[in-house]
Amino acid sequence: MSATITAQDVNKLRQMTGVGIMDCKKALIEANGDFEAAVDILRKKGQKVSASRAGRDAAEGVAIALTSADSTTGIIVELNCETDFVAKNDEYVGFAQKVAELALNNQPANLEALKALSIDGRSVADHITDMIGKIGEKIELSKYELVKSEGIVSYIHSNKKIAVLVAVNKPLNLAIEAAGKDVAMQIAALSPVAVDKDDVDADTVRREIEIGKEQARAEGKPEEMLEKIALGKLNKFYKDSTLLNQDFVKDSSVTVGKMLNNVENGLTVKSFIRTQVG
């Protein structure tokens, strides 16, 4: 004999899982009124939806950067989904924030370790599966990075699509923190490839030299001049694309490196992380 499913039962399951009314009703009917079984049915639905969405492109989402109370540890996480509509959903953003706080508080070794951590007694990975079933989109935790330094500043762009961590070589005070925030905003806007010239990988340097030679050759410059012209273009690349050599956006009369040194002698950026959704 099948159990009678009341509106109160459906609402109770909805409060427990956050899943839509019709899906809750169907799960309770299938489970013959057994709430635990109904929850399992909904979770399995999430796993099925997850499998069916596996090939989909999750190019939307949110990026979150957080720092510890003493500003010596920073984390970045990126949680992806399929549509901008979901990316702006308060529950989705709130979950991403919870995962970021979990990462900061536990400092797991890698992305898989973060997915295994628990929120309210269930793993992050299980919560993501539940959310997939509820929302009907592919959702994936695609990035987690941790950095430690004497001082770390975080920045999240207003649309939550870009997040930045800047690690400096001195503990933060008000002036250093303000300068660090300016640098983080510059990184968000201009996306430098490295901190300084020596940090640019060899492949990139070789590629820029070859591009410079080809451009000069196309302009009809003599072969014996190509190397010199290419090196000149490489220096221009360093100025445009390495953080400390870029003109400071708020005052183009100084580079970022010079601005930092003006704030406090010897102040510099040790590393940065920039992540952008999509």
Protein backbone atom coordinates (compact mmCIF):
# COMPACT_ATOMS: atom_id res chain seq x y z
CA MET A 1 0.00 0.00 0.00
CA SER A 2 1.49 3.33 -1.03
CA ALA A 3 1.97 6.08 1.55
CA THR A 4 -0.03 9.29 1.35
CA ILE A 5 2.29 12.17 0.44
CA THR A 6 1.12 15.49 1.89
CA ALA A 7 2.12 19.02 0.92
CA GLN A 8 3.81 19.28 4.33
CA ASP A 9 5.92 16.21 3.51
CA VAL A 10 6.97 17.69 0.19
CA ASN A 11 7.83 21.00 1.83
CA LYS A 12 9.84 19.24 4.55
CA LEU A 13 11.93 17.41 1.92
CA ARG A 14 12.36 20.64 0.02
CA GLN A 15 13.66 22.35 3.18
CA MET A 16 16.06 19.44 3.75
CA THR A 17 17.46 19.37 0.22
CA GLY A 18 16.63 22.65 -1.50
CA VAL A 19 15.38 20.68 -4.52
CA GLY A 20 12.24 21.83 -6.41
CA ILE A 21 8.73 20.87 -5.29
CA MET A 22 7.94 18.49 -8.17
CA ASP A 23 11.23 16.59 -7.83
CA CYS A 24 10.67 16.28 -4.06
CA LYS A 25 7.14 14.97 -4.60
CA LYS A 26 8.32 12.40 -7.18
CA ALA A 27 11.14 11.25 -4.86
CA LEU A 28 8.75 10.81 -1.90
CA ILE A 29 6.30 8.83 -4.05
CA GLU A 30 9.12 6.61 -5.32
CA ALA A 31 10.41 6.14 -1.76
CA ASN A 32 6.89 5.42 -0.46
CA GLY A 33 7.14 8.28 2.02
CA ASP A 34 10.56 7.31 3.44
CA PHE A 35 12.48 10.59 3.82
CA GLU A 36 15.97 9.04 3.97
CA ALA A 37 15.27 7.01 0.84
CA ALA A 38 13.84 10.11 -0.87
CA VAL A 39 17.01 12.06 -0.07
CA ASP A 40 19.09 9.20 -1.56
CA ILE A 41 16.91 9.24 -4.69
CA LEU A 42 17.51 12.98 -5.10
CA ARG A 43 21.27 12.52 -4.59
CA LYS A 44 21.33 9.78 -7.22
CA LYS A 45 19.46 12.15 -9.52
CA GLY A 46 22.29 14.62 -8.95
CA GLN A 47 24.83 11.96 -9.92
CA LYS A 48 22.84 11.13 -13.08
CA VAL A 49 22.60 14.81 -14.03
CA SER A 50 26.32 15.15 -13.36
CA ALA A 51 27.08 12.25 -15.71
CA SER A 52 24.79 13.62 -18.41
CA ARG A 53 26.41 17.09 -18.19
CA ALA A 54 29.98 15.79 -18.14
CA GLY A 55 30.76 16.98 -21.67
CA ARG A 56 29.21 20.40 -21.21
CA ASP A 57 31.28 23.56 -20.98
CA ALA A 58 31.24 25.08 -17.49
CA ALA A 59 32.64 28.46 -18.51
CA GLU A 60 30.74 30.65 -16.06
CA GLY A 61 31.06 30.84 -12.28
CA VAL A 62 32.78 32.76 -9.50
CA ALA A 63 36.37 33.24 -8.33
CA ILE A 64 37.04 34.03 -4.67
CA ALA A 65 40.27 35.12 -2.95
CA LEU A 66 40.60 35.21 0.84
CA THR A 67 43.41 35.97 3.29
CA SER A 68 43.95 34.89 6.89
CA ALA A 69 43.41 37.31 9.79
CA ASP A 70 47.18 37.91 10.04
CA SER A 71 47.46 38.38 6.23
CA THR A 72 50.21 35.76 5.86
CA THR A 73 48.13 33.07 4.10
CA GLY A 74 45.91 33.46 1.04
CA ILE A 75 43.75 31.13 -1.03
CA ILE A 76 41.93 31.33 -4.35
CA VAL A 77 39.10 29.03 -5.44
CA GLU A 78 37.10 28.96 -8.65
CA LEU A 79 33.67 27.30 -8.83
CA ASN A 80 32.31 26.91 -12.36
CA CYS A 81 28.83 26.47 -13.81
CA GLU A 82 27.25 26.66 -17.28
CA THR A 83 25.28 29.92 -17.18
CA ASP A 84 25.71 33.43 -15.84
CA PHE A 85 22.21 33.14 -14.34
CA VAL A 86 23.40 30.41 -11.95
CA ALA A 87 26.70 32.22 -11.31
CA LYS A 88 24.71 35.14 -9.87
CA ASN A 89 22.47 32.92 -7.72
CA ASP A 90 22.89 33.79 -4.02
CA GLU A 91 22.94 30.15 -2.91
CA TYR A 92 25.59 29.27 -5.51
CA VAL A 93 27.79 32.24 -4.54
CA GLY A 94 27.25 31.45 -0.85
CA PHE A 95 28.41 27.86 -1.40
CA ALA A 96 31.53 29.09 -3.22
CA GLN A 97 32.24 31.39 -0.27
CA LYS A 98 31.86 28.45 2.17
CA VAL A 99 34.29 26.36 0.13
CA ALA A 100 36.79 29.25 0.08
CA GLU A 101 36.55 29.66 3.86
CA LEU A 102 36.95 25.90 4.30
CA ALA A 103 40.08 26.02 2.13
CA LEU A 104 41.55 28.92 4.10
CA ASN A 105 40.83 27.32 7.48
CA ASN A 106 42.11 23.84 6.55
CA GLN A 107 44.77 24.60 3.92
CA PRO A 108 44.40 21.27 2.08
CA ALA A 109 47.31 20.05 -0.02
CA ASN A 110 45.50 20.16 -3.37
CA LEU A 111 42.16 20.41 -5.15
CA GLU A 112 41.21 16.76 -4.51
CA ALA A 113 41.94 17.17 -0.80
CA LEU A 114 39.69 20.24 -0.73
CA LYS A 115 36.86 18.28 -2.40
CA ALA A 116 37.18 15.63 0.33
CA LEU A 117 36.75 18.12 3.20
CA SER A 118 33.37 18.26 4.93
CA ILE A 119 30.68 20.92 5.17
CA ASP A 120 27.86 19.98 7.57
CA GLY A 121 28.99 16.35 7.66
CA ARG A 122 29.21 15.78 3.89
CA SER A 123 32.11 16.22 1.52
CA VAL A 124 32.43 19.23 -0.76
CA ALA A 125 32.28 16.82 -3.72
CA ASP A 126 28.94 15.42 -2.47
CA HIS A 127 27.54 18.92 -1.98
CA ILE A 128 28.51 19.73 -5.58
CA THR A 129 26.73 16.60 -6.82
CA ASP A 130 23.62 17.62 -4.86
CA MET A 131 23.76 21.09 -6.38
CA ILE A 132 24.07 19.64 -9.89
CA GLY A 133 20.86 17.65 -9.35
CA LYS A 134 19.09 20.66 -7.92
CA ILE A 135 20.18 23.20 -10.54
CA GLY A 136 20.51 20.90 -13.56
CA GLU A 137 23.83 22.33 -14.71
CA LYS A 138 27.40 21.06 -14.74
CA ILE A 139 29.14 22.49 -11.67
CA GLU A 140 32.82 21.90 -10.92
CA LEU A 141 35.40 23.13 -8.47
CA SER A 142 38.17 23.80 -10.97
CA LYS A 143 40.84 25.71 -9.07
CA TYR A 144 42.37 25.95 -5.61
CA GLU A 145 45.67 27.65 -4.85
CA LEU A 146 47.37 28.48 -1.57
CA VAL A 147 50.14 31.00 -0.96
CA LYS A 148 52.06 32.06 2.15
CA SER A 149 54.24 35.14 2.60
CA GLU A 150 55.17 37.94 5.00
CA GLY A 151 52.13 39.84 3.72
CA ILE A 152 49.30 38.95 1.34
CA VAL A 153 46.60 41.16 -0.18
CA SER A 154 43.49 39.81 -1.91
CA TYR A 155 41.19 41.39 -4.47
CA ILE A 156 37.94 40.19 -6.02
CA HIS A 157 36.54 42.13 -8.97
CA SER A 158 32.97 43.34 -8.49
CA ASN A 159 31.54 40.71 -10.87
CA LYS A 160 33.39 37.91 -9.02
CA LYS A 161 34.90 36.78 -12.34
CA ILE A 162 38.49 37.79 -11.47
CA ALA A 163 40.31 37.12 -8.19
CA VAL A 164 43.89 38.07 -7.31
CA LEU A 165 46.36 37.36 -4.50
CA VAL A 166 49.51 39.46 -4.16
CA ALA A 167 52.34 38.24 -1.90
CA VAL A 168 54.74 40.98 -0.73
CA ASN A 169 58.01 40.65 1.17
CA LYS A 170 57.03 42.66 4.26
CA PRO A 171 54.26 42.40 6.89
CA LEU A 172 51.26 44.56 6.07
CA ASN A 173 50.67 47.99 7.54
CA LEU A 174 48.08 50.45 6.25
CA ALA A 175 50.38 51.91 3.59
CA ILE A 176 51.64 48.53 2.34
CA GLU A 177 48.13 47.10 2.30
CA ALA A 178 46.84 50.06 0.26
CA ALA A 179 49.73 49.72 -2.19
CA GLY A 180 49.13 45.97 -2.38
CA LYS A 181 45.46 46.54 -3.18
CA ASP A 182 46.44 48.94 -5.99
CA VAL A 183 48.84 46.33 -7.37
CA ALA A 184 46.18 43.61 -7.15
CA MET A 185 43.75 45.80 -9.12
CA GLN A 186 46.48 46.44 -11.72
CA ILE A 187 47.07 42.68 -12.03
CA ALA A 188 43.32 42.15 -12.46
CA ALA A 189 43.17 44.77 -15.23
CA LEU A 190 46.42 44.16 -17.14
CA SER A 191 47.13 40.45 -16.48
CA PRO A 192 50.97 40.52 -16.40
CA VAL A 193 52.70 37.24 -17.31
CA ALA A 194 55.26 37.36 -14.47
CA VAL A 195 56.53 39.46 -11.54
CA ASP A 196 59.81 40.54 -13.20
CA LYS A 197 61.95 39.88 -16.29
CA ASP A 198 63.79 36.93 -14.74
CA ASP A 199 60.49 35.20 -13.94
CA VAL A 200 59.40 34.95 -17.60
CA ASP A 201 59.83 31.36 -18.76
CA ALA A 202 62.41 30.59 -21.43
CA ASP A 203 59.84 29.40 -23.98
CA THR A 204 58.01 32.73 -23.80
CA VAL A 205 61.28 34.65 -24.24
CA ARG A 206 62.24 32.55 -27.29
CA ARG A 207 58.78 33.01 -28.79
CA GLU A 208 58.86 36.79 -28.32
CA ILE A 209 62.32 37.00 -29.94
CA GLU A 210 61.13 34.94 -32.94
CA ILE A 211 58.00 37.09 -33.28
CA GLY A 212 60.17 40.21 -33.12
CA LYS A 213 62.46 38.88 -35.86
CA GLU A 214 59.55 37.96 -38.10
CA GLN A 215 57.96 41.39 -37.66
CA ALA A 216 61.25 43.12 -38.50
CA ARG A 217 61.77 40.82 -41.49
CA ALA A 218 58.26 41.62 -42.74
CA GLU A 219 59.08 45.32 -42.44
CA GLY A 220 62.07 44.78 -44.78
CA LYS A 221 64.80 45.22 -42.18
CA PRO A 222 68.22 43.70 -43.07
CA GLU A 223 68.94 40.21 -41.66
CA GLU A 224 71.96 41.39 -39.65
CA MET A 225 69.71 43.84 -37.76
CA LEU A 226 66.95 41.35 -36.86
CA GLU A 227 68.45 40.09 -33.57
CA LYS A 228 69.04 43.61 -32.26
CA ILE A 229 65.54 44.75 -33.27
CA ALA A 230 63.99 41.63 -31.71
CA LEU A 231 65.81 42.25 -28.41
CA GLY A 232 64.48 45.80 -28.42
CA LYS A 233 60.96 44.44 -28.88
CA LEU A 234 61.63 41.94 -26.07
CA ASN A 235 62.45 44.81 -23.71
CA LYS A 236 59.16 46.44 -24.71
CA PHE A 237 57.42 43.12 -23.93
CA TYR A 238 59.06 43.08 -20.47
CA LYS A 239 57.83 46.61 -19.79
CA ASP A 240 54.29 45.86 -20.91
CA SER A 241 53.93 42.36 -19.51
CA THR A 242 55.96 42.01 -16.29
CA LEU A 243 54.38 43.49 -13.20
CA LEU A 244 57.25 45.40 -11.60
CA ASN A 245 58.24 46.97 -14.95
CA GLN A 246 54.74 48.06 -15.96
CA ASP A 247 53.82 51.72 -15.60
CA PHE A 248 51.76 52.10 -12.44
CA VAL A 249 48.17 52.66 -13.57
CA LYS A 250 47.49 55.37 -10.98
CA ASP A 251 50.71 57.29 -11.79
CA SER A 252 52.37 56.47 -15.11
CA SER A 253 55.48 58.49 -14.19
CA VAL A 254 56.64 55.50 -12.07
CA THR A 255 56.74 51.75 -12.56
CA VAL A 256 54.97 49.43 -10.15
CA GLY A 257 58.37 48.44 -8.74
CA LYS A 258 59.32 52.07 -8.11
CA MET A 259 55.95 52.87 -6.55
CA LEU A 260 56.35 50.00 -4.07
CA ASN A 261 59.86 51.06 -3.15
CA ASN A 262 58.59 54.61 -2.59
CA VAL A 263 55.98 53.28 -0.14
CA GLU A 264 58.65 51.48 1.87
CA ASN A 265 62.31 50.95 0.99
CA GLY A 266 62.84 47.42 -0.31
CA LEU A 267 59.12 46.62 -0.62
CA THR A 268 58.42 44.35 -3.59
CA VAL A 269 56.11 41.62 -4.88
CA LYS A 270 57.33 38.05 -4.40
CA SER A 271 54.52 36.37 -6.35
CA PHE A 272 50.96 36.77 -7.47
CA ILE A 273 48.05 34.56 -8.50
CA ARG A 274 45.35 35.75 -10.89
CA THR A 275 42.39 33.65 -11.89
CA GLN A 276 39.65 34.62 -14.33
CA VAL A 277 36.43 32.73 -14.96
CA GLY A 278 35.82 31.70 -18.56
